[in-house]
Amino acid sequence: MKYEFILFDADDTLFDFQKTAEKNFEQTCRKLGVPYKDGYYEIYRDINQNYWDMFSLGKVEKSVLKKMRFVDFGKAISYDVNADEFMPIYESGLAQISILFPETVPVLKQLKESGYKIYLITNGLANVQRGRLKLSGIEHLFDGIFISDEMGTSKPSKIYYDMVTSQIDGFDKNKALIVGDSLVSDMPLGIDNGIDTCFYNPHGKQTDLPITYQIKNLTQLLKIV
């Protein structure tokens, strides 16, 4: 066993977040009478990702992220979106939809049965992540769950790293692997702290980061560990 501790990102790594978010975003728009057309979710998706990347890098506060992504979406489609109204409905709906990638459960179960310690490390909002985890049926497979919103700090900060690793019994970074899809939060968290990284990269993104492994399907992880 090369690794003992495997730290997984949640969204777009274990959870098919885009399917979840698109379904909920359209439902929220229609519920509030916001015009919705093909391509609108993709506009929101890119705006939202930009805010999450800035949040990960400490460039915006969570309160700004939560509201301004909807304000900016409204500007992009030339519609005055009431962000204060949209925000709670969207977040509540998101917490009630949980879509996993097909490989997620088999891979996590096999790792667990093989004796690995597995953890969830996510920059998501606490109410959303907790709700989706409960619905997913995978919550019990983790030896620890670390949500930035509950910790007051986010990936890839050193503070987040220290808080997470201090709560993992017997943690040894030389026996740890970080698995995630983000080149802004997941991979730098490992690289900056001397931990091997596995970039979940189904879409073939290009990067110059010194990543240890790249996979296109979660099942490929089983050949690495």
C-alpha atoms as a PDB file:
ATOM      1  CA  MET A   1       0.000   0.000   0.000  1.00  0.00           C
ATOM      2  CA  LYS A   2       1.781   3.131  -1.265  1.00  0.00           C
ATOM      3  CA  TYR A   3      -0.674   5.529   0.356  1.00  0.00           C
ATOM      4  CA  GLU A   4      -2.628   5.409   3.579  1.00  0.00           C
ATOM      5  CA  PHE A   5      -4.537   8.698   3.574  1.00  0.00           C
ATOM      6  CA  ILE A   6      -6.576   9.785   0.545  1.00  0.00           C
ATOM      7  CA  LEU A   7      -8.096  13.257   0.576  1.00  0.00           C
ATOM      8  CA  PHE A   8     -10.873  13.814  -1.963  1.00  0.00           C
ATOM      9  CA  ASP A   9     -12.353  17.012  -3.271  1.00  0.00           C
ATOM     10  CA  ALA A  10     -16.148  16.874  -3.543  1.00  0.00           C
ATOM     11  CA  ASP A  11     -17.610  18.816  -6.458  1.00  0.00           C
ATOM     12  CA  ASP A  12     -16.650  17.729  -9.961  1.00  0.00           C
ATOM     13  CA  THR A  13     -14.529  14.967  -8.432  1.00  0.00           C
ATOM     14  CA  LEU A  14     -16.975  12.727  -6.568  1.00  0.00           C
ATOM     15  CA  PHE A  15     -20.171  14.676  -7.212  1.00  0.00           C
ATOM     16  CA  ASP A  16     -21.363  15.547 -10.713  1.00  0.00           C
ATOM     17  CA  PHE A  17     -21.848  19.099  -9.570  1.00  0.00           C
ATOM     18  CA  GLN A  18     -22.578  20.563 -12.988  1.00  0.00           C
ATOM     19  CA  LYS A  19     -25.633  18.353 -13.520  1.00  0.00           C
ATOM     20  CA  THR A  20     -26.794  19.146 -10.002  1.00  0.00           C
ATOM     21  CA  ALA A  21     -26.280  22.882 -10.347  1.00  0.00           C
ATOM     22  CA  GLU A  22     -27.770  23.175 -13.841  1.00  0.00           C
ATOM     23  CA  LYS A  23     -30.967  21.426 -12.807  1.00  0.00           C
ATOM     24  CA  ASN A  24     -31.322  23.577  -9.706  1.00  0.00           C
ATOM     25  CA  PHE A  25     -30.367  26.823 -11.459  1.00  0.00           C
ATOM     26  CA  GLU A  26     -33.045  26.385 -14.114  1.00  0.00           C
ATOM     27  CA  GLN A  27     -35.642  25.496 -11.462  1.00  0.00           C
ATOM     28  CA  THR A  28     -34.760  28.595  -9.434  1.00  0.00           C
ATOM     29  CA  CYS A  29     -34.928  30.875 -12.469  1.00  0.00           C
ATOM     30  CA  ARG A  30     -38.338  29.586 -13.482  1.00  0.00           C
ATOM     31  CA  LYS A  31     -39.638  29.772  -9.912  1.00  0.00           C
ATOM     32  CA  LEU A  32     -38.678  33.446  -9.655  1.00  0.00           C
ATOM     33  CA  GLY A  33     -39.653  34.405 -13.180  1.00  0.00           C
ATOM     34  CA  VAL A  34     -36.082  35.028 -14.311  1.00  0.00           C
ATOM     35  CA  PRO A  35     -35.856  34.406 -18.074  1.00  0.00           C
ATOM     36  CA  TYR A  36     -34.083  31.154 -18.865  1.00  0.00           C
ATOM     37  CA  LYS A  37     -32.687  30.103 -22.236  1.00  0.00           C
ATOM     38  CA  ASP A  38     -30.258  27.497 -23.495  1.00  0.00           C
ATOM     39  CA  GLY A  39     -26.749  28.615 -22.613  1.00  0.00           C
ATOM     40  CA  TYR A  40     -27.740  30.657 -19.565  1.00  0.00           C
ATOM     41  CA  TYR A  41     -26.476  28.080 -17.117  1.00  0.00           C
ATOM     42  CA  GLU A  42     -23.088  28.051 -18.852  1.00  0.00           C
ATOM     43  CA  ILE A  43     -22.909  31.839 -18.402  1.00  0.00           C
ATOM     44  CA  TYR A  44     -23.653  31.468 -14.700  1.00  0.00           C
ATOM     45  CA  ARG A  45     -21.291  28.490 -14.366  1.00  0.00           C
ATOM     46  CA  ASP A  46     -18.300  30.462 -15.600  1.00  0.00           C
ATOM     47  CA  ILE A  47     -19.120  33.458 -13.398  1.00  0.00           C
ATOM     48  CA  ASN A  48     -19.608  31.202 -10.391  1.00  0.00           C
ATOM     49  CA  GLN A  49     -16.331  29.348 -10.983  1.00  0.00           C
ATOM     50  CA  ASN A  50     -14.435  32.612 -11.245  1.00  0.00           C
ATOM     51  CA  TYR A  51     -15.795  33.717  -7.864  1.00  0.00           C
ATOM     52  CA  TRP A  52     -14.950  30.377  -6.263  1.00  0.00           C
ATOM     53  CA  ASP A  53     -11.416  30.589  -7.631  1.00  0.00           C
ATOM     54  CA  MET A  54     -11.043  34.094  -6.212  1.00  0.00           C
ATOM     55  CA  PHE A  55     -12.447  32.873  -2.896  1.00  0.00           C
ATOM     56  CA  SER A  56      -9.945  30.007  -2.829  1.00  0.00           C
ATOM     57  CA  LEU A  57      -7.147  32.516  -3.340  1.00  0.00           C
ATOM     58  CA  GLY A  58      -8.458  34.801  -0.604  1.00  0.00           C
ATOM     59  CA  LYS A  59      -9.415  37.582  -3.028  1.00  0.00           C
ATOM     60  CA  VAL A  60     -13.114  37.791  -2.153  1.00  0.00           C
ATOM     61  CA  GLU A  61     -15.179  37.113   0.949  1.00  0.00           C
ATOM     62  CA  LYS A  62     -17.777  34.354   1.041  1.00  0.00           C
ATOM     63  CA  SER A  63     -20.586  36.902   1.358  1.00  0.00           C
ATOM     64  CA  VAL A  64     -19.440  38.582  -1.863  1.00  0.00           C
ATOM     65  CA  LEU A  65     -19.230  35.255  -3.700  1.00  0.00           C
ATOM     66  CA  LYS A  66     -22.690  34.163  -2.604  1.00  0.00           C
ATOM     67  CA  LYS A  67     -24.409  37.315  -3.851  1.00  0.00           C
ATOM     68  CA  MET A  68     -22.367  38.790  -6.690  1.00  0.00           C
ATOM     69  CA  ARG A  69     -22.376  35.648  -8.865  1.00  0.00           C
ATOM     70  CA  PHE A  70     -26.114  36.182  -9.334  1.00  0.00           C
ATOM     71  CA  VAL A  71     -25.797  39.939  -9.781  1.00  0.00           C
ATOM     72  CA  ASP A  72     -23.168  39.424 -12.473  1.00  0.00           C
ATOM     73  CA  PHE A  73     -25.288  36.772 -14.166  1.00  0.00           C
ATOM     74  CA  GLY A  74     -28.128  39.287 -14.358  1.00  0.00           C
ATOM     75  CA  LYS A  75     -25.824  41.856 -15.924  1.00  0.00           C
ATOM     76  CA  ALA A  76     -24.614  39.283 -18.449  1.00  0.00           C
ATOM     77  CA  ILE A  77     -28.167  38.587 -19.669  1.00  0.00           C
ATOM     78  CA  SER A  78     -29.318  42.213 -19.233  1.00  0.00           C
ATOM     79  CA  TYR A  79     -31.853  41.337 -16.536  1.00  0.00           C
ATOM     80  CA  ASP A  80     -32.107  42.744 -13.039  1.00  0.00           C
ATOM     81  CA  VAL A  81     -31.785  39.580 -10.921  1.00  0.00           C
ATOM     82  CA  ASN A  82     -32.779  40.075  -7.288  1.00  0.00           C
ATOM     83  CA  ALA A  83     -29.743  38.321  -5.797  1.00  0.00           C
ATOM     84  CA  ASP A  84     -31.038  38.535  -2.223  1.00  0.00           C
ATOM     85  CA  GLU A  85     -34.119  36.611  -3.285  1.00  0.00           C
ATOM     86  CA  PHE A  86     -32.373  34.241  -5.691  1.00  0.00           C
ATOM     87  CA  MET A  87     -29.533  33.260  -3.355  1.00  0.00           C
ATOM     88  CA  PRO A  88     -31.418  31.437  -0.532  1.00  0.00           C
ATOM     89  CA  ILE A  89     -33.758  29.627  -2.906  1.00  0.00           C
ATOM     90  CA  TYR A  90     -30.881  28.437  -5.081  1.00  0.00           C
ATOM     91  CA  GLU A  91     -28.804  27.277  -2.106  1.00  0.00           C
ATOM     92  CA  SER A  92     -31.744  25.496  -0.509  1.00  0.00           C
ATOM     93  CA  GLY A  93     -32.519  23.701  -3.747  1.00  0.00           C
ATOM     94  CA  LEU A  94     -28.889  22.750  -4.278  1.00  0.00           C
ATOM     95  CA  ALA A  95     -28.795  21.056  -0.882  1.00  0.00           C
ATOM     96  CA  GLN A  96     -31.691  18.854  -1.976  1.00  0.00           C
ATOM     97  CA  ILE A  97     -30.120  17.485  -5.166  1.00  0.00           C
ATOM     98  CA  SER A  98     -27.266  14.997  -5.051  1.00  0.00           C
ATOM     99  CA  ILE A  99     -25.812  13.461  -8.217  1.00  0.00           C
ATOM    100  CA  LEU A 100     -22.674  11.341  -7.973  1.00  0.00           C
ATOM    101  CA  PHE A 101     -20.448  10.207 -10.813  1.00  0.00           C
ATOM    102  CA  PRO A 102     -21.175   6.516 -11.580  1.00  0.00           C
ATOM    103  CA  GLU A 103     -17.710   5.466 -10.391  1.00  0.00           C
ATOM    104  CA  THR A 104     -17.823   7.287  -7.047  1.00  0.00           C
ATOM    105  CA  VAL A 105     -19.503   4.688  -4.834  1.00  0.00           C
ATOM    106  CA  PRO A 106     -17.629   1.627  -6.167  1.00  0.00           C
ATOM    107  CA  VAL A 107     -14.263   3.376  -5.883  1.00  0.00           C
ATOM    108  CA  LEU A 108     -14.873   4.686  -2.357  1.00  0.00           C
ATOM    109  CA  LYS A 109     -16.161   1.303  -1.177  1.00  0.00           C
ATOM    110  CA  GLN A 110     -13.180  -0.546  -2.607  1.00  0.00           C
ATOM    111  CA  LEU A 111     -10.750   1.899  -1.007  1.00  0.00           C
ATOM    112  CA  LYS A 112     -12.533   1.604   2.326  1.00  0.00           C
ATOM    113  CA  GLU A 113     -12.581  -2.202   2.184  1.00  0.00           C
ATOM    114  CA  SER A 114      -8.872  -2.196   1.315  1.00  0.00           C
ATOM    115  CA  GLY A 115      -8.035  -0.325   4.501  1.00  0.00           C
ATOM    116  CA  TYR A 116      -7.418   3.201   3.243  1.00  0.00           C
ATOM    117  CA  LYS A 117      -8.360   6.216   5.355  1.00  0.00           C
ATOM    118  CA  ILE A 118     -10.444   8.511   3.177  1.00  0.00           C
ATOM    119  CA  TYR A 119     -11.372  12.129   3.799  1.00  0.00           C
ATOM    120  CA  LEU A 120     -13.422  14.820   2.121  1.00  0.00           C
ATOM    121  CA  ILE A 121     -11.883  18.269   1.655  1.00  0.00           C
ATOM    122  CA  THR A 122     -14.226  20.842   0.121  1.00  0.00           C
ATOM    123  CA  ASN A 123     -14.567  24.598  -0.228  1.00  0.00           C
ATOM    124  CA  GLY A 124     -18.344  24.328  -0.501  1.00  0.00           C
ATOM    125  CA  LEU A 125     -21.007  25.981   1.610  1.00  0.00           C
ATOM    126  CA  ALA A 126     -21.813  23.977   4.732  1.00  0.00           C
ATOM    127  CA  ASN A 127     -25.597  23.770   4.350  1.00  0.00           C
ATOM    128  CA  VAL A 128     -25.288  22.744   0.711  1.00  0.00           C
ATOM    129  CA  GLN A 129     -22.545  20.163   1.214  1.00  0.00           C
ATOM    130  CA  ARG A 130     -24.077  18.602   4.308  1.00  0.00           C
ATOM    131  CA  GLY A 131     -27.445  18.268   2.605  1.00  0.00           C
ATOM    132  CA  ARG A 132     -26.003  16.680  -0.512  1.00  0.00           C
ATOM    133  CA  LEU A 133     -23.751  14.349   1.474  1.00  0.00           C
ATOM    134  CA  LYS A 134     -26.696  13.092   3.480  1.00  0.00           C
ATOM    135  CA  LEU A 135     -28.676  12.404   0.321  1.00  0.00           C
ATOM    136  CA  SER A 136     -25.741  10.767  -1.455  1.00  0.00           C
ATOM    137  CA  GLY A 137     -25.368   7.817   0.902  1.00  0.00           C
ATOM    138  CA  ILE A 138     -21.554   8.105   0.975  1.00  0.00           C
ATOM    139  CA  GLU A 139     -21.151  10.182   4.137  1.00  0.00           C
ATOM    140  CA  HIS A 140     -20.380   7.140   6.282  1.00  0.00           C
ATOM    141  CA  LEU A 141     -17.481   6.107   4.056  1.00  0.00           C
ATOM    142  CA  PHE A 142     -15.327   9.055   5.112  1.00  0.00           C
ATOM    143  CA  ASP A 143     -13.052   9.049   8.130  1.00  0.00           C
ATOM    144  CA  GLY A 144     -13.315  12.832   8.244  1.00  0.00           C
ATOM    145  CA  ILE A 145     -15.156  15.630   6.438  1.00  0.00           C
ATOM    146  CA  PHE A 146     -13.602  19.083   6.230  1.00  0.00           C
ATOM    147  CA  ILE A 147     -15.816  21.848   4.834  1.00  0.00           C
ATOM    148  CA  SER A 148     -14.204  25.268   4.498  1.00  0.00           C
ATOM    149  CA  ASP A 149     -17.412  27.038   5.489  1.00  0.00           C
ATOM    150  CA  GLU A 150     -17.365  25.264   8.852  1.00  0.00           C
ATOM    151  CA  MET A 151     -13.646  25.802   9.365  1.00  0.00           C
ATOM    152  CA  GLY A 152     -13.441  29.498   8.579  1.00  0.00           C
ATOM    153  CA  THR A 153     -10.672  28.953   6.035  1.00  0.00           C
ATOM    154  CA  SER A 154     -10.386  27.416   2.581  1.00  0.00           C
ATOM    155  CA  LYS A 155      -8.178  25.397   0.258  1.00  0.00           C
ATOM    156  CA  PRO A 156      -5.362  25.927  -0.609  1.00  0.00           C
ATOM    157  CA  SER A 157      -4.374  28.064   2.405  1.00  0.00           C
ATOM    158  CA  LYS A 158      -1.767  26.801   4.852  1.00  0.00           C
ATOM    159  CA  ILE A 159      -4.257  27.411   7.648  1.00  0.00           C
ATOM    160  CA  TYR A 160      -6.734  25.015   6.034  1.00  0.00           C
ATOM    161  CA  TYR A 161      -3.999  22.423   5.535  1.00  0.00           C
ATOM    162  CA  ASP A 162      -2.839  22.669   9.135  1.00  0.00           C
ATOM    163  CA  MET A 163      -6.380  22.438  10.496  1.00  0.00           C
ATOM    164  CA  VAL A 164      -7.190  19.372   8.400  1.00  0.00           C
ATOM    165  CA  THR A 165      -3.994  17.446   9.042  1.00  0.00           C
ATOM    166  CA  SER A 166      -4.049  18.176  12.770  1.00  0.00           C
ATOM    167  CA  GLN A 167      -7.390  16.351  12.961  1.00  0.00           C
ATOM    168  CA  ILE A 168      -6.213  13.218  11.156  1.00  0.00           C
ATOM    169  CA  ASP A 169      -4.715  10.692  13.568  1.00  0.00           C
ATOM    170  CA  GLY A 170      -1.219   9.634  12.608  1.00  0.00           C
ATOM    171  CA  PHE A 171      -1.188  11.741   9.469  1.00  0.00           C
ATOM    172  CA  ASP A 172       1.951  11.331   7.381  1.00  0.00           C
ATOM    173  CA  LYS A 173       2.162  13.526   4.294  1.00  0.00           C
ATOM    174  CA  ASN A 174       4.507  11.013   2.674  1.00  0.00           C
ATOM    175  CA  LYS A 175       1.661   8.483   2.749  1.00  0.00           C
ATOM    176  CA  ALA A 176      -1.046  10.896   1.619  1.00  0.00           C
ATOM    177  CA  LEU A 177      -2.625  11.649  -1.751  1.00  0.00           C
ATOM    178  CA  ILE A 178      -4.890  14.559  -2.681  1.00  0.00           C
ATOM    179  CA  VAL A 179      -7.452  13.860  -5.420  1.00  0.00           C
ATOM    180  CA  GLY A 180      -9.306  16.731  -7.050  1.00  0.00           C
ATOM    181  CA  ASP A 181     -10.262  18.591 -10.192  1.00  0.00           C
ATOM    182  CA  SER A 182      -9.163  22.124  -9.299  1.00  0.00           C
ATOM    183  CA  LEU A 183      -5.888  23.630 -10.457  1.00  0.00           C
ATOM    184  CA  VAL A 184      -6.554  26.571  -8.138  1.00  0.00           C
ATOM    185  CA  SER A 185      -7.386  24.858  -4.846  1.00  0.00           C
ATOM    186  CA  ASP A 186      -6.797  21.082  -4.870  1.00  0.00           C
ATOM    187  CA  MET A 187      -3.515  20.711  -6.700  1.00  0.00           C
ATOM    188  CA  PRO A 188      -1.803  23.710  -5.024  1.00  0.00           C
ATOM    189  CA  LEU A 189      -2.881  22.379  -1.615  1.00  0.00           C
ATOM    190  CA  GLY A 190      -0.835  19.267  -2.242  1.00  0.00           C
ATOM    191  CA  ILE A 191       2.060  20.853  -4.120  1.00  0.00           C
ATOM    192  CA  ASP A 192       2.564  23.637  -1.575  1.00  0.00           C
ATOM    193  CA  ASN A 193       2.691  21.150   1.286  1.00  0.00           C
ATOM    194  CA  GLY A 194       4.743  18.367  -0.250  1.00  0.00           C
ATOM    195  CA  ILE A 195       1.863  15.927  -0.755  1.00  0.00           C
ATOM    196  CA  ASP A 196       1.389  13.818  -3.887  1.00  0.00           C
ATOM    197  CA  THR A 197      -1.480  14.965  -6.097  1.00  0.00           C
ATOM    198  CA  CYS A 198      -3.881  13.228  -8.451  1.00  0.00           C
ATOM    199  CA  PHE A 199      -5.561  15.575 -10.923  1.00  0.00           C
ATOM    200  CA  TYR A 200      -9.015  14.349 -11.931  1.00  0.00           C
ATOM    201  CA  ASN A 201      -9.015  15.671 -15.473  1.00  0.00           C
ATOM    202  CA  PRO A 202     -11.722  14.114 -17.651  1.00  0.00           C
ATOM    203  CA  HIS A 203     -11.729  17.062 -20.054  1.00  0.00           C
ATOM    204  CA  GLY A 204      -7.989  17.117 -20.748  1.00  0.00           C
ATOM    205  CA  LYS A 205      -7.120  20.510 -19.271  1.00  0.00           C
ATOM    206  CA  GLN A 206      -3.545  21.636 -19.795  1.00  0.00           C
ATOM    207  CA  THR A 207      -1.348  22.643 -16.876  1.00  0.00           C
ATOM    208  CA  ASP A 208       2.296  23.267 -16.034  1.00  0.00           C
ATOM    209  CA  LEU A 209       1.810  22.436 -12.362  1.00  0.00           C
ATOM    210  CA  PRO A 210       4.061  19.616 -11.079  1.00  0.00           C
ATOM    211  CA  ILE A 211       1.195  17.176 -10.587  1.00  0.00           C
ATOM    212  CA  THR A 212       2.050  13.617  -9.571  1.00  0.00           C
ATOM    213  CA  TYR A 213      -0.731  11.818 -11.454  1.00  0.00           C
ATOM    214  CA  GLN A 214      -3.557  12.586 -13.857  1.00  0.00           C
ATOM    215  CA  ILE A 215      -6.676  10.479 -14.355  1.00  0.00           C
ATOM    216  CA  LYS A 216      -9.741  10.782 -16.581  1.00  0.00           C
ATOM    217  CA  ASN A 217     -11.886   8.327 -14.643  1.00  0.00           C
ATOM    218  CA  LEU A 218     -12.011   7.676 -10.900  1.00  0.00           C
ATOM    219  CA  THR A 219     -11.484   3.967 -11.412  1.00  0.00           C
ATOM    220  CA  GLN A 220      -7.952   4.733 -12.619  1.00  0.00           C
ATOM    221  CA  LEU A 221      -7.160   5.847  -9.086  1.00  0.00           C
ATOM    222  CA  LEU A 222      -7.297   2.237  -7.934  1.00  0.00           C
ATOM    223  CA  LYS A 223      -4.240   1.420 -10.070  1.00  0.00           C
ATOM    224  CA  ILE A 224      -2.286   4.290  -8.492  1.00  0.00           C
ATOM    225  CA  VAL A 225      -2.834   3.708  -4.804  1.00  0.00           C
END
